[in-house]
Structures are given as structure tokens and as C-alpha cells.
């Protein structure tokens, strides 16, 4: 069985036992979360309008992490303008514990 959930403006296909990285959520390690499902699939498929009534996904927060460093370099020719900046996107690591209908 799998489900489609939405968090942080992105959609994720998840199944029980999956570990996913989502946009940072202000939760502590070990906190449990419930997500509404846009779609639940398996033997039969249920599609919501926009969410499936009574369906949810349970997840637990494993860790708060940062992504790889991205280097942003701005340059303008013949103007002696150079600017280097780095960025590391924060993520939350979740483990999917269950899907209920």
C-alpha cells in the first residue's frame, strides 16, 4: 500500500517503512505527525477531492538535517563585480510508520 501526501508545497509518494526528506518542519526529534492523503493506492485506488476522507499517514521525526552546500556566484564582466555566497537548505528526515484508511 502507498499514499500520496503533500507537505512544504511538494507531493511525496510514501509507503510504510520509507524514510523521506521534506522541507523543514518545526518539530522535535521523536515527534509524531499525521498527514492527509491526496491518494491511496494498493489493491484498490482511492483518489481524493482534494483529500481522501478518513485516510492519513503517520510519520515520526528522525532528524533535522541540512542539504548539500550550493555556491551562488554572481559576476559582471568588466565591472570588477564578484559576489560569492553559499546556501544549505534545511530538511526534516521522516520515517513513515503507517497508512490508515
PDB file of N, CA and C in Angstrom:
ATOM      1  N   UNK A   1       0.841  -1.174   0.000  1.00  0.00           N
ATOM      2  CA  UNK A   1       0.000   0.000   0.000  1.00  0.00           C
ATOM      3  C   UNK A   1       0.891   1.244   0.000  1.00  0.00           C
ATOM      4  N   UNK A   2       0.469   2.255  -0.741  1.00  0.00           N
ATOM      5  CA  UNK A   2       1.205   3.513  -0.785  1.00  0.00           C
ATOM      6  C   UNK A   2       0.212   4.667  -0.720  1.00  0.00           C
ATOM      7  N   UNK A   3       0.738   5.855  -0.469  1.00  0.00           N
ATOM      8  CA  UNK A   3      -0.103   7.046  -0.390  1.00  0.00           C
ATOM      9  C   UNK A   3       0.664   8.225  -0.969  1.00  0.00           C
ATOM     10  N   UNK A   4      -0.076   9.207  -1.423  1.00  0.00           N
ATOM     11  CA  UNK A   4       0.491  10.475  -1.885  1.00  0.00           C
ATOM     12  C   UNK A   4       0.129  11.531  -0.841  1.00  0.00           C
ATOM     13  N   UNK A   5       1.157  12.176  -0.259  1.00  0.00           N
ATOM     14  CA  UNK A   5       0.933  13.224   0.733  1.00  0.00           C
ATOM     15  C   UNK A   5       1.525  14.525   0.218  1.00  0.00           C
ATOM     16  N   UNK A   6       1.130  15.628   0.840  1.00  0.00           N
ATOM     17  CA  UNK A   6       1.680  16.930   0.464  1.00  0.00           C
ATOM     18  C   UNK A   6       2.162  17.632   1.729  1.00  0.00           C
ATOM     19  N   UNK A   7       3.382  18.161   1.676  1.00  0.00           N
ATOM     20  CA  UNK A   7       3.942  18.955   2.753  1.00  0.00           C
ATOM     21  C   UNK A   7       5.017  19.863   2.167  1.00  0.00           C
ATOM     22  N   UNK A   8       5.062  21.076   2.639  1.00  0.00           N
ATOM     23  CA  UNK A   8       6.052  22.027   2.144  1.00  0.00           C
ATOM     24  C   UNK A   8       5.865  22.397   0.688  1.00  0.00           C
ATOM     25  N   UNK A   9       4.626  22.265   0.179  1.00  0.00           N
ATOM     26  CA  UNK A   9       4.360  22.606  -1.207  1.00  0.00           C
ATOM     27  C   UNK A   9       4.786  21.549  -2.199  1.00  0.00           C
ATOM     28  N   UNK A  10       5.188  20.369  -1.720  1.00  0.00           N
ATOM     29  CA  UNK A  10       5.624  19.286  -2.598  1.00  0.00           C
ATOM     30  C   UNK A  10       4.832  18.026  -2.280  1.00  0.00           C
ATOM     31  N   UNK A  11       4.672  17.165  -3.285  1.00  0.00           N
ATOM     32  CA  UNK A  11       3.962  15.906  -3.100  1.00  0.00           C
ATOM     33  C   UNK A  11       4.963  14.767  -3.045  1.00  0.00           C
ATOM     34  N   UNK A  12       4.690  13.795  -2.157  1.00  0.00           N
ATOM     35  CA  UNK A  12       5.572  12.653  -1.952  1.00  0.00           C
ATOM     36  C   UNK A  12       4.775  11.361  -2.014  1.00  0.00           C
ATOM     37  N   UNK A  13       5.313  10.355  -2.698  1.00  0.00           N
ATOM     38  CA  UNK A  13       4.727   9.020  -2.706  1.00  0.00           C
ATOM     39  C   UNK A  13       5.426   8.231  -1.606  1.00  0.00           C
ATOM     40  N   UNK A  14       4.661   7.734  -0.621  1.00  0.00           N
ATOM     41  CA  UNK A  14       5.252   7.063   0.531  1.00  0.00           C
ATOM     42  C   UNK A  14       4.600   5.705   0.753  1.00  0.00           C
ATOM     43  N   UNK A  15       5.359   4.819   1.373  1.00  0.00           N
ATOM     44  CA  UNK A  15       4.871   3.513   1.815  1.00  0.00           C
ATOM     45  C   UNK A  15       5.389   3.303   3.231  1.00  0.00           C
ATOM     46  N   UNK A  16       4.847   2.321   3.916  1.00  0.00           N
ATOM     47  CA  UNK A  16       5.261   2.051   5.292  1.00  0.00           C
ATOM     48  C   UNK A  16       6.734   1.656   5.307  1.00  0.00           C
ATOM     49  N   UNK A  17       7.513   2.286   6.205  1.00  0.00           N
ATOM     50  CA  UNK A  17       8.936   1.993   6.323  1.00  0.00           C
ATOM     51  C   UNK A  17       9.829   2.922   5.527  1.00  0.00           C
ATOM     52  N   UNK A  18       9.266   3.751   4.666  1.00  0.00           N
ATOM     53  CA  UNK A  18      10.068   4.689   3.876  1.00  0.00           C
ATOM     54  C   UNK A  18      10.654   5.782   4.766  1.00  0.00           C
ATOM     55  N   UNK A  19      11.839   6.251   4.399  1.00  0.00           N
ATOM     56  CA  UNK A  19      12.471   7.400   5.049  1.00  0.00           C
ATOM     57  C   UNK A  19      12.573   8.490   3.994  1.00  0.00           C
ATOM     58  N   UNK A  20      11.966   9.660   4.281  1.00  0.00           N
ATOM     59  CA  UNK A  20      11.944  10.746   3.305  1.00  0.00           C
ATOM     60  C   UNK A  20      12.474  12.022   3.935  1.00  0.00           C
ATOM     61  N   UNK A  21      12.949  12.913   3.080  1.00  0.00           N
ATOM     62  CA  UNK A  21      13.400  14.237   3.494  1.00  0.00           C
ATOM     63  C   UNK A  21      12.393  15.254   2.967  1.00  0.00           C
ATOM     64  N   UNK A  22      11.827  16.062   3.873  1.00  0.00           N
ATOM     65  CA  UNK A  22      10.845  17.081   3.496  1.00  0.00           C
ATOM     66  C   UNK A  22      11.370  18.442   3.926  1.00  0.00           C
ATOM     67  N   UNK A  23      10.730  19.506   3.423  1.00  0.00           N
ATOM     68  CA  UNK A  23      11.089  20.850   3.856  1.00  0.00           C
ATOM     69  C   UNK A  23      10.986  20.923   5.374  1.00  0.00           C
ATOM     70  N   UNK A  24      11.824  21.731   5.997  1.00  0.00           N
ATOM     71  CA  UNK A  24      11.939  21.760   7.454  1.00  0.00           C
ATOM     72  C   UNK A  24      10.596  21.992   8.144  1.00  0.00           C
ATOM     73  N   UNK A  25      10.317  21.128   9.135  1.00  0.00           N
ATOM     74  CA  UNK A  25       9.138  21.246   9.983  1.00  0.00           C
ATOM     75  C   UNK A  25       9.613  21.581  11.389  1.00  0.00           C
ATOM     76  N   UNK A  26       8.922  22.474  12.061  1.00  0.00           N
ATOM     77  CA  UNK A  26       9.310  22.894  13.412  1.00  0.00           C
ATOM     78  C   UNK A  26       8.841  21.862  14.432  1.00  0.00           C
ATOM     79  N   UNK A  27       9.457  20.691  14.414  1.00  0.00           N
ATOM     80  CA  UNK A  27       9.132  19.597  15.328  1.00  0.00           C
ATOM     81  C   UNK A  27      10.418  19.091  15.976  1.00  0.00           C
ATOM     82  N   UNK A  28      10.266  18.460  17.131  1.00  0.00           N
ATOM     83  CA  UNK A  28      11.399  17.870  17.842  1.00  0.00           C
ATOM     84  C   UNK A  28      11.610  16.437  17.365  1.00  0.00           C
ATOM     85  N   UNK A  29      12.810  15.905  17.600  1.00  0.00           N
ATOM     86  CA  UNK A  29      13.117  14.519  17.260  1.00  0.00           C
ATOM     87  C   UNK A  29      12.223  13.609  18.089  1.00  0.00           C
ATOM     88  N   UNK A  30      11.583  12.656  17.427  1.00  0.00           N
ATOM     89  CA  UNK A  30      10.682  11.726  18.101  1.00  0.00           C
ATOM     90  C   UNK A  30       9.218  12.128  18.042  1.00  0.00           C
ATOM     91  N   UNK A  31       8.913  13.357  17.606  1.00  0.00           N
ATOM     92  CA  UNK A  31       7.515  13.791  17.489  1.00  0.00           C
ATOM     93  C   UNK A  31       6.818  13.002  16.390  1.00  0.00           C
ATOM     94  N   UNK A  32       5.527  12.733  16.597  1.00  0.00           N
ATOM     95  CA  UNK A  32       4.732  12.024  15.600  1.00  0.00           C
ATOM     96  C   UNK A  32       3.865  13.015  14.848  1.00  0.00           C
ATOM     97  N   UNK A  33       3.704  12.775  13.552  1.00  0.00           N
ATOM     98  CA  UNK A  33       2.934  13.655  12.672  1.00  0.00           C
ATOM     99  C   UNK A  33       1.878  12.852  11.936  1.00  0.00           C
ATOM    100  N   UNK A  34       0.788  13.493  11.573  1.00  0.00           N
ATOM    101  CA  UNK A  34      -0.235  12.900  10.718  1.00  0.00           C
ATOM    102  C   UNK A  34      -0.395  13.787   9.490  1.00  0.00           C
ATOM    103  N   UNK A  35      -0.394  13.158   8.315  1.00  0.00           N
ATOM    104  CA  UNK A  35      -0.584  13.871   7.058  1.00  0.00           C
ATOM    105  C   UNK A  35      -1.864  13.378   6.400  1.00  0.00           C
ATOM    106  N   UNK A  36      -2.602  14.291   5.768  1.00  0.00           N
ATOM    107  CA  UNK A  36      -3.754  13.910   4.957  1.00  0.00           C
ATOM    108  C   UNK A  36      -3.253  13.330   3.641  1.00  0.00           C
ATOM    109  N   UNK A  37      -4.043  12.439   3.052  1.00  0.00           N
ATOM    110  CA  UNK A  37      -3.650  11.768   1.812  1.00  0.00           C
ATOM    111  C   UNK A  37      -4.415  12.340   0.628  1.00  0.00           C
ATOM    112  N   UNK A  38      -3.701  12.595  -0.453  1.00  0.00           N
ATOM    113  CA  UNK A  38      -4.330  13.004  -1.699  1.00  0.00           C
ATOM    114  C   UNK A  38      -4.806  11.788  -2.471  1.00  0.00           C
ATOM    115  N   UNK A  39      -4.079  10.668  -2.297  1.00  0.00           N
ATOM    116  CA  UNK A  39      -4.421   9.427  -2.976  1.00  0.00           C
ATOM    117  C   UNK A  39      -3.883   8.256  -2.174  1.00  0.00           C
ATOM    118  N   UNK A  40      -4.624   7.164  -2.149  1.00  0.00           N
ATOM    119  CA  UNK A  40      -4.169   5.933  -1.507  1.00  0.00           C
ATOM    120  C   UNK A  40      -4.266   4.834  -2.544  1.00  0.00           C
ATOM    121  N   UNK A  41      -3.170   4.086  -2.731  1.00  0.00           N
ATOM    122  CA  UNK A  41      -3.145   3.020  -3.724  1.00  0.00           C
ATOM    123  C   UNK A  41      -2.751   1.706  -3.106  1.00  0.00           C
ATOM    124  N   UNK A  42      -2.982   0.642  -3.843  1.00  0.00           N
ATOM    125  CA  UNK A  42      -2.679  -0.710  -3.379  1.00  0.00           C
ATOM    126  C   UNK A  42      -3.534  -1.663  -4.188  1.00  0.00           C
ATOM    127  N   UNK A  43      -4.324  -2.503  -3.488  1.00  0.00           N
ATOM    128  CA  UNK A  43      -5.258  -3.385  -4.196  1.00  0.00           C
ATOM    129  C   UNK A  43      -6.323  -2.561  -4.915  1.00  0.00           C
ATOM    130  N   UNK A  44      -6.830  -1.542  -4.214  1.00  0.00           N
ATOM    131  CA  UNK A  44      -7.766  -0.606  -4.836  1.00  0.00           C
ATOM    132  C   UNK A  44      -7.189   0.790  -4.688  1.00  0.00           C
ATOM    133  N   UNK A  45      -7.558   1.674  -5.578  1.00  0.00           N
ATOM    134  CA  UNK A  45      -7.049   3.039  -5.551  1.00  0.00           C
ATOM    135  C   UNK A  45      -8.170   3.994  -5.197  1.00  0.00           C
ATOM    136  N   UNK A  46      -7.894   4.878  -4.247  1.00  0.00           N
ATOM    137  CA  UNK A  46      -8.854   5.922  -3.877  1.00  0.00           C
ATOM    138  C   UNK A  46      -8.195   7.271  -4.120  1.00  0.00           C
ATOM    139  N   UNK A  47      -8.878   8.114  -4.868  1.00  0.00           N
ATOM    140  CA  UNK A  47      -8.380   9.451  -5.164  1.00  0.00           C
ATOM    141  C   UNK A  47      -9.277  10.449  -4.462  1.00  0.00           C
ATOM    142  N   UNK A  48      -8.688  11.402  -3.750  1.00  0.00           N
ATOM    143  CA  UNK A  48      -9.452  12.379  -3.002  1.00  0.00           C
ATOM    144  C   UNK A  48      -9.800  13.598  -3.827  1.00  0.00           C
ATOM    145  N   UNK A  49     -10.722  14.392  -3.277  1.00  0.00           N
ATOM    146  CA  UNK A  49     -11.122  15.645  -3.931  1.00  0.00           C
ATOM    147  C   UNK A  49     -11.135  16.782  -2.926  1.00  0.00           C
ATOM    148  N   UNK A  50     -10.072  17.352  -2.473  1.00  0.00           N
ATOM    149  CA  UNK A  50      -8.677  17.047  -2.786  1.00  0.00           C
ATOM    150  C   UNK A  50      -8.059  15.991  -1.876  1.00  0.00           C
ATOM    151  N   UNK A  51      -8.681  15.682  -0.698  1.00  0.00           N
ATOM    152  CA  UNK A  51      -8.096  14.662   0.172  1.00  0.00           C
ATOM    153  C   UNK A  51      -9.066  13.499   0.314  1.00  0.00           C
ATOM    154  N   UNK A  52      -8.519  12.321   0.628  1.00  0.00           N
ATOM    155  CA  UNK A  52      -9.320  11.127   0.841  1.00  0.00           C
ATOM    156  C   UNK A  52      -9.870  11.182   2.259  1.00  0.00           C
ATOM    157  N   UNK A  53     -11.199  11.080   2.401  1.00  0.00           N
ATOM    158  CA  UNK A  53     -11.836  11.145   3.719  1.00  0.00           C
ATOM    159  C   UNK A  53     -11.406   9.965   4.585  1.00  0.00           C
ATOM    160  N   UNK A  54     -10.946  10.262   5.794  1.00  0.00           N
ATOM    161  CA  UNK A  54     -10.580   9.228   6.756  1.00  0.00           C
ATOM    162  C   UNK A  54      -9.210   8.605   6.552  1.00  0.00           C
ATOM    163  N   UNK A  55      -8.495   8.985   5.507  1.00  0.00           N
ATOM    164  CA  UNK A  55      -7.167   8.414   5.252  1.00  0.00           C
ATOM    165  C   UNK A  55      -6.098   9.333   5.814  1.00  0.00           C
ATOM    166  N   UNK A  56      -5.088   8.733   6.428  1.00  0.00           N
ATOM    167  CA  UNK A  56      -3.972   9.526   6.951  1.00  0.00           C
ATOM    168  C   UNK A  56      -2.703   8.700   6.947  1.00  0.00           C
ATOM    169  N   UNK A  57      -1.587   9.405   7.029  1.00  0.00           N
ATOM    170  CA  UNK A  57      -0.264   8.784   7.086  1.00  0.00           C
ATOM    171  C   UNK A  57       0.390   9.213   8.391  1.00  0.00           C
ATOM    172  N   UNK A  58       0.884   8.241   9.165  1.00  0.00           N
ATOM    173  CA  UNK A  58       1.573   8.532  10.411  1.00  0.00           C
ATOM    174  C   UNK A  58       3.076   8.477  10.159  1.00  0.00           C
ATOM    175  N   UNK A  59       3.768   9.498  10.664  1.00  0.00           N
ATOM    176  CA  UNK A  59       5.222   9.582  10.495  1.00  0.00           C
ATOM    177  C   UNK A  59       5.845  10.042  11.798  1.00  0.00           C
ATOM    178  N   UNK A  60       7.134   9.741  11.964  1.00  0.00           N
ATOM    179  CA  UNK A  60       7.879  10.178  13.143  1.00  0.00           C
ATOM    180  C   UNK A  60       9.130  10.911  12.673  1.00  0.00           C
ATOM    181  N   UNK A  61       9.489  11.980  13.388  1.00  0.00           N
ATOM    182  CA  UNK A  61      10.655  12.789  13.034  1.00  0.00           C
ATOM    183  C   UNK A  61      11.916  12.064  13.521  1.00  0.00           C
ATOM    184  N   UNK A  62      12.840  11.804  12.591  1.00  0.00           N
ATOM    185  CA  UNK A  62      14.100  11.149  12.941  1.00  0.00           C
ATOM    186  C   UNK A  62      15.207  12.152  13.213  1.00  0.00           C
ATOM    187  N   UNK A  63      15.256  13.233  12.412  1.00  0.00           N
ATOM    188  CA  UNK A  63      16.395  14.135  12.482  1.00  0.00           C
ATOM    189  C   UNK A  63      16.096  15.439  11.761  1.00  0.00           C
ATOM    190  N   UNK A  64      16.761  16.506  12.177  1.00  0.00           N
ATOM    191  CA  UNK A  64      16.759  17.770  11.452  1.00  0.00           C
ATOM    192  C   UNK A  64      18.130  17.884  10.780  1.00  0.00           C
ATOM    193  N   UNK A  65      18.170  17.985   9.466  1.00  0.00           N
ATOM    194  CA  UNK A  65      19.436  17.972   8.726  1.00  0.00           C
ATOM    195  C   UNK A  65      19.501  19.146   7.757  1.00  0.00           C
ATOM    196  N   UNK A  66      20.696  19.349   7.193  1.00  0.00           N
ATOM    197  CA  UNK A  66      20.906  20.340   6.138  1.00  0.00           C
ATOM    198  C   UNK A  66      21.348  19.617   4.877  1.00  0.00           C
ATOM    199  N   UNK A  67      20.963  20.160   3.729  1.00  0.00           N
ATOM    200  CA  UNK A  67      21.338  19.594   2.444  1.00  0.00           C
ATOM    201  C   UNK A  67      22.761  19.967   2.068  1.00  0.00           C
ATOM    202  N   UNK A  68      23.156  19.571   0.879  1.00  0.00           N
ATOM    203  CA  UNK A  68      24.483  19.888   0.371  1.00  0.00           C
ATOM    204  C   UNK A  68      24.632  21.385   0.182  1.00  0.00           C
ATOM    205  N   UNK A  69      25.855  21.866   0.277  1.00  0.00           N
ATOM    206  CA  UNK A  69      26.114  23.285   0.092  1.00  0.00           C
ATOM    207  C   UNK A  69      26.041  23.627  -1.387  1.00  0.00           C
ATOM    208  N   UNK A  70      25.302  24.697  -1.678  1.00  0.00           N
ATOM    209  CA  UNK A  70      25.233  25.240  -3.024  1.00  0.00           C
ATOM    210  C   UNK A  70      25.983  26.554  -3.044  1.00  0.00           C
ATOM    211  N   UNK A  71      26.783  26.771  -4.064  1.00  0.00           N
ATOM    212  CA  UNK A  71      27.540  28.007  -4.195  1.00  0.00           C
ATOM    213  C   UNK A  71      26.855  28.873  -5.245  1.00  0.00           C
ATOM    214  N   UNK A  72      26.522  30.093  -4.846  1.00  0.00           N
ATOM    215  CA  UNK A  72      25.925  31.066  -5.755  1.00  0.00           C
ATOM    216  C   UNK A  72      27.005  32.106  -6.046  1.00  0.00           C
ATOM    217  N   UNK A  73      27.375  32.238  -7.307  1.00  0.00           N
ATOM    218  CA  UNK A  73      28.441  33.156  -7.688  1.00  0.00           C
ATOM    219  C   UNK A  73      27.903  34.145  -8.707  1.00  0.00           C
ATOM    220  N   UNK A  74      27.945  35.417  -8.363  1.00  0.00           N
ATOM    221  CA  UNK A  74      27.487  36.474  -9.264  1.00  0.00           C
ATOM    222  C   UNK A  74      28.701  37.202  -9.820  1.00  0.00           C
ATOM    223  N   UNK A  75      28.633  37.548 -11.118  1.00  0.00           N
ATOM    224  CA  UNK A  75      29.779  38.140 -11.793  1.00  0.00           C
ATOM    225  C   UNK A  75      29.275  39.034 -12.908  1.00  0.00           C
ATOM    226  N   UNK A  76      29.857  40.205 -13.008  1.00  0.00           N
ATOM    227  CA  UNK A  76      29.550  41.095 -14.118  1.00  0.00           C
ATOM    228  C   UNK A  76      30.861  41.430 -14.837  1.00  0.00           C
ATOM    229  N   UNK A  77      30.890  41.172 -16.115  1.00  0.00           N
ATOM    230  CA  UNK A  77      32.098  41.369 -16.911  1.00  0.00           C
ATOM    231  C   UNK A  77      32.503  42.833 -16.956  1.00  0.00           C
ATOM    232  N   UNK A  78      33.795  43.082 -16.822  1.00  0.00           N
ATOM    233  CA  UNK A  78      34.414  44.408 -16.967  1.00  0.00           C
ATOM    234  C   UNK A  78      33.967  45.421 -15.913  1.00  0.00           C
ATOM    235  N   UNK A  79      33.292  45.006 -14.865  1.00  0.00           N
ATOM    236  CA  UNK A  79      32.808  45.930 -13.847  1.00  0.00           C
ATOM    237  C   UNK A  79      33.416  45.658 -12.469  1.00  0.00           C
ATOM    238  N   UNK A  80      34.343  44.710 -12.394  1.00  0.00           N
ATOM    239  CA  UNK A  80      35.003  44.343 -11.138  1.00  0.00           C
ATOM    240  C   UNK A  80      33.978  43.987 -10.055  1.00  0.00           C
ATOM    241  N   UNK A  81      32.919  43.268 -10.457  1.00  0.00           N
ATOM    242  CA  UNK A  81      31.879  42.857  -9.517  1.00  0.00           C
ATOM    243  C   UNK A  81      31.869  41.341  -9.432  1.00  0.00           C
ATOM    244  N   UNK A  82      32.179  40.846  -8.239  1.00  0.00           N
ATOM    245  CA  UNK A  82      32.149  39.410  -7.977  1.00  0.00           C
ATOM    246  C   UNK A  82      31.571  39.205  -6.589  1.00  0.00           C
ATOM    247  N   UNK A  83      30.623  38.281  -6.466  1.00  0.00           N
ATOM    248  CA  UNK A  83      29.999  38.022  -5.170  1.00  0.00           C
ATOM    249  C   UNK A  83      29.780  36.523  -5.037  1.00  0.00           C
ATOM    250  N   UNK A  84      30.331  35.934  -3.973  1.00  0.00           N
ATOM    251  CA  UNK A  84      30.206  34.501  -3.733  1.00  0.00           C
ATOM    252  C   UNK A  84      29.380  34.305  -2.469  1.00  0.00           C
ATOM    253  N   UNK A  85      28.381  33.453  -2.570  1.00  0.00           N
ATOM    254  CA  UNK A  85      27.503  33.202  -1.433  1.00  0.00           C
ATOM    255  C   UNK A  85      27.159  31.721  -1.408  1.00  0.00           C
ATOM    256  N   UNK A  86      27.055  31.141  -0.219  1.00  0.00           N
ATOM    257  CA  UNK A  86      26.695  29.736  -0.072  1.00  0.00           C
ATOM    258  C   UNK A  86      25.327  29.589   0.565  1.00  0.00           C
ATOM    259  N   UNK A  87      24.725  28.412   0.348  1.00  0.00           N
ATOM    260  CA  UNK A  87      23.410  28.137   0.921  1.00  0.00           C
ATOM    261  C   UNK A  87      23.288  26.646   1.220  1.00  0.00           C
ATOM    262  N   UNK A  88      22.728  26.325   2.388  1.00  0.00           N
ATOM    263  CA  UNK A  88      22.413  24.932   2.745  1.00  0.00           C
ATOM    264  C   UNK A  88      20.954  24.881   3.183  1.00  0.00           C
ATOM    265  N   UNK A  89      20.145  24.163   2.431  1.00  0.00           N
ATOM    266  CA  UNK A  89      18.709  24.078   2.700  1.00  0.00           C
ATOM    267  C   UNK A  89      18.443  23.154   3.891  1.00  0.00           C
ATOM    268  N   UNK A  90      17.637  23.589   4.869  1.00  0.00           N
ATOM    269  CA  UNK A  90      17.296  22.708   5.992  1.00  0.00           C
ATOM    270  C   UNK A  90      16.173  21.731   5.624  1.00  0.00           C
ATOM    271  N   UNK A  91      16.312  20.487   6.055  1.00  0.00           N
ATOM    272  CA  UNK A  91      15.323  19.438   5.812  1.00  0.00           C
ATOM    273  C   UNK A  91      14.986  18.734   7.120  1.00  0.00           C
ATOM    274  N   UNK A  92      13.848  18.051   7.122  1.00  0.00           N
ATOM    275  CA  UNK A  92      13.451  17.187   8.222  1.00  0.00           C
ATOM    276  C   UNK A  92      13.380  15.769   7.680  1.00  0.00           C
ATOM    277  N   UNK A  93      14.024  14.834   8.388  1.00  0.00           N
ATOM    278  CA  UNK A  93      14.030  13.428   7.976  1.00  0.00           C
ATOM    279  C   UNK A  93      12.887  12.722   8.694  1.00  0.00           C
ATOM    280  N   UNK A  94      11.979  12.110   7.935  1.00  0.00           N
ATOM    281  CA  UNK A  94      10.813  11.432   8.491  1.00  0.00           C
ATOM    282  C   UNK A  94      10.832   9.950   8.151  1.00  0.00           C
ATOM    283  N   UNK A  95      10.314   9.141   9.081  1.00  0.00           N
ATOM    284  CA  UNK A  95      10.086   7.716   8.790  1.00  0.00           C
ATOM    285  C   UNK A  95       8.591   7.481   8.809  1.00  0.00           C
ATOM    286  N   UNK A  96       8.077   6.808   7.780  1.00  0.00           N
ATOM    287  CA  UNK A  96       6.648   6.540   7.667  1.00  0.00           C
ATOM    288  C   UNK A  96       6.331   5.297   8.502  1.00  0.00           C
ATOM    289  N   UNK A  97       5.431   5.447   9.464  1.00  0.00           N
ATOM    290  CA  UNK A  97       5.080   4.345  10.373  1.00  0.00           C
ATOM    291  C   UNK A  97       3.832   3.606   9.965  1.00  0.00           C
ATOM    292  N   UNK A  98       2.870   4.296   9.340  1.00  0.00           N
ATOM    293  CA  UNK A  98       1.639   3.602   8.979  1.00  0.00           C
ATOM    294  C   UNK A  98       0.759   4.423   8.065  1.00  0.00           C
ATOM    295  N   UNK A  99      -0.130   3.710   7.347  1.00  0.00           N
ATOM    296  CA  UNK A  99      -1.122   4.332   6.480  1.00  0.00           C
ATOM    297  C   UNK A  99      -2.472   3.749   6.888  1.00  0.00           C
ATOM    298  N   UNK A 100      -3.421   4.634   7.218  1.00  0.00           N
ATOM    299  CA  UNK A 100      -4.751   4.167   7.614  1.00  0.00           C
ATOM    300  C   UNK A 100      -5.789   4.697   6.643  1.00  0.00           C
ATOM    301  N   UNK A 101      -6.829   3.901   6.439  1.00  0.00           N
ATOM    302  CA  UNK A 101      -7.927   4.305   5.551  1.00  0.00           C
ATOM    303  C   UNK A 101      -9.130   4.718   6.348  1.00  0.00           C
TER     304      UNK A 101
END
